[in-house]
Protein backbone atom coordinates (compact mmCIF):
# COMPACT_ATOMS: atom_id res chain seq x y z
CA UNK A 1 -75.85 48.36 51.98
CA UNK A 2 -72.36 48.83 50.63
CA UNK A 3 -71.00 51.20 47.98
CA UNK A 4 -68.83 50.05 45.12
CA UNK A 5 -66.88 52.99 43.70
CA UNK A 6 -64.74 51.96 40.76
CA UNK A 7 -61.75 54.15 39.97
CA UNK A 8 -62.49 53.85 36.28
CA UNK A 9 -65.91 53.85 34.63
CA UNK A 10 -67.12 50.85 32.73
CA UNK A 11 -69.26 50.34 29.67
CA UNK A 12 -72.32 48.10 29.64
CA UNK A 13 -73.61 47.00 26.28
CA UNK A 14 -77.38 47.31 25.93
CA UNK A 15 -79.72 46.03 23.23
CA UNK A 16 -79.58 47.62 19.77
CA UNK A 17 -75.86 48.33 20.12
CA UNK A 18 -76.23 51.38 22.35
CA UNK A 19 -73.75 51.94 25.16
CA UNK A 20 -74.17 53.11 28.73
CA UNK A 21 -71.15 54.59 30.47
CA UNK A 22 -71.18 54.81 34.25
CA UNK A 23 -68.45 56.61 36.21
CA UNK A 24 -69.93 56.85 39.70
CA UNK A 25 -70.62 54.80 42.78
CA UNK A 26 -73.16 52.00 42.84
CA UNK A 27 -75.10 50.84 45.87
CA UNK A 28 -75.15 47.11 46.52
CA UNK A 29 -78.84 46.42 47.19
CA UNK A 30 -80.33 42.97 47.76
CA UNK A 31 -83.79 42.43 46.34
CA UNK A 32 -86.08 39.43 46.78
CA UNK A 33 -88.33 38.69 43.79
CA UNK A 34 -91.27 36.34 43.36
CA UNK A 35 -90.35 33.38 41.13
CA UNK A 36 -92.69 34.45 38.31
CA UNK A 37 -91.22 37.96 38.16
CA UNK A 38 -87.68 36.57 38.22
CA UNK A 39 -88.50 34.25 35.31
CA UNK A 40 -90.06 37.13 33.34
CA UNK A 41 -86.96 39.29 33.89
CA UNK A 42 -84.68 36.41 32.96
CA UNK A 43 -86.61 35.77 29.72
CA UNK A 44 -86.66 39.48 28.81
CA UNK A 45 -82.91 39.76 29.49
CA UNK A 46 -82.17 36.81 27.21
CA UNK A 47 -84.43 38.23 24.50
CA UNK A 48 -82.80 41.69 24.71
CA UNK A 49 -79.22 40.44 25.07
CA UNK A 50 -78.77 41.86 28.56
CA UNK A 51 -77.80 40.36 31.89
CA UNK A 52 -80.58 40.08 34.49
CA UNK A 53 -78.89 42.92 36.38
CA UNK A 54 -78.80 45.04 33.22
CA UNK A 55 -82.45 44.28 32.48
CA UNK A 56 -83.55 45.34 35.96
CA UNK A 57 -81.51 48.56 35.66
CA UNK A 58 -83.11 49.22 32.27
CA UNK A 59 -86.62 48.73 33.73
CA UNK A 60 -85.87 50.96 36.73
CA UNK A 61 -84.30 53.74 34.67
CA UNK A 62 -87.23 53.69 32.25
CA UNK A 63 -89.77 53.82 35.11
CA UNK A 64 -87.98 56.76 36.74
CA UNK A 65 -87.76 58.67 33.45
CA UNK A 66 -91.47 58.06 32.75
CA UNK A 67 -92.38 59.24 36.26
CA UNK A 68 -90.33 62.41 35.82
CA UNK A 69 -91.98 63.06 32.45
CA UNK A 70 -95.47 62.67 33.96
CA UNK A 71 -94.57 64.99 36.84
CA UNK A 72 -93.32 67.64 34.41
CA UNK A 73 -96.53 67.39 32.36
CA UNK A 74 -98.68 67.83 35.48
CA UNK A 75 -96.77 70.94 36.58
């Protein structure tokens, strides 16, 4: 794993015109996907106007937020 730490943040455009600003380090992480999952992510990214990378980040962030919300409700 390697870290990419840009000196300046960057803006990624997401669906519906919203913006995501990131100013920190990112971990370079290789992930192997089954062909069917890759195709589903690719199709969703095209539909939503995101890159495949952006679509995967969107899915992961949403899953983490939902998990945190469920944990808070159980507490």
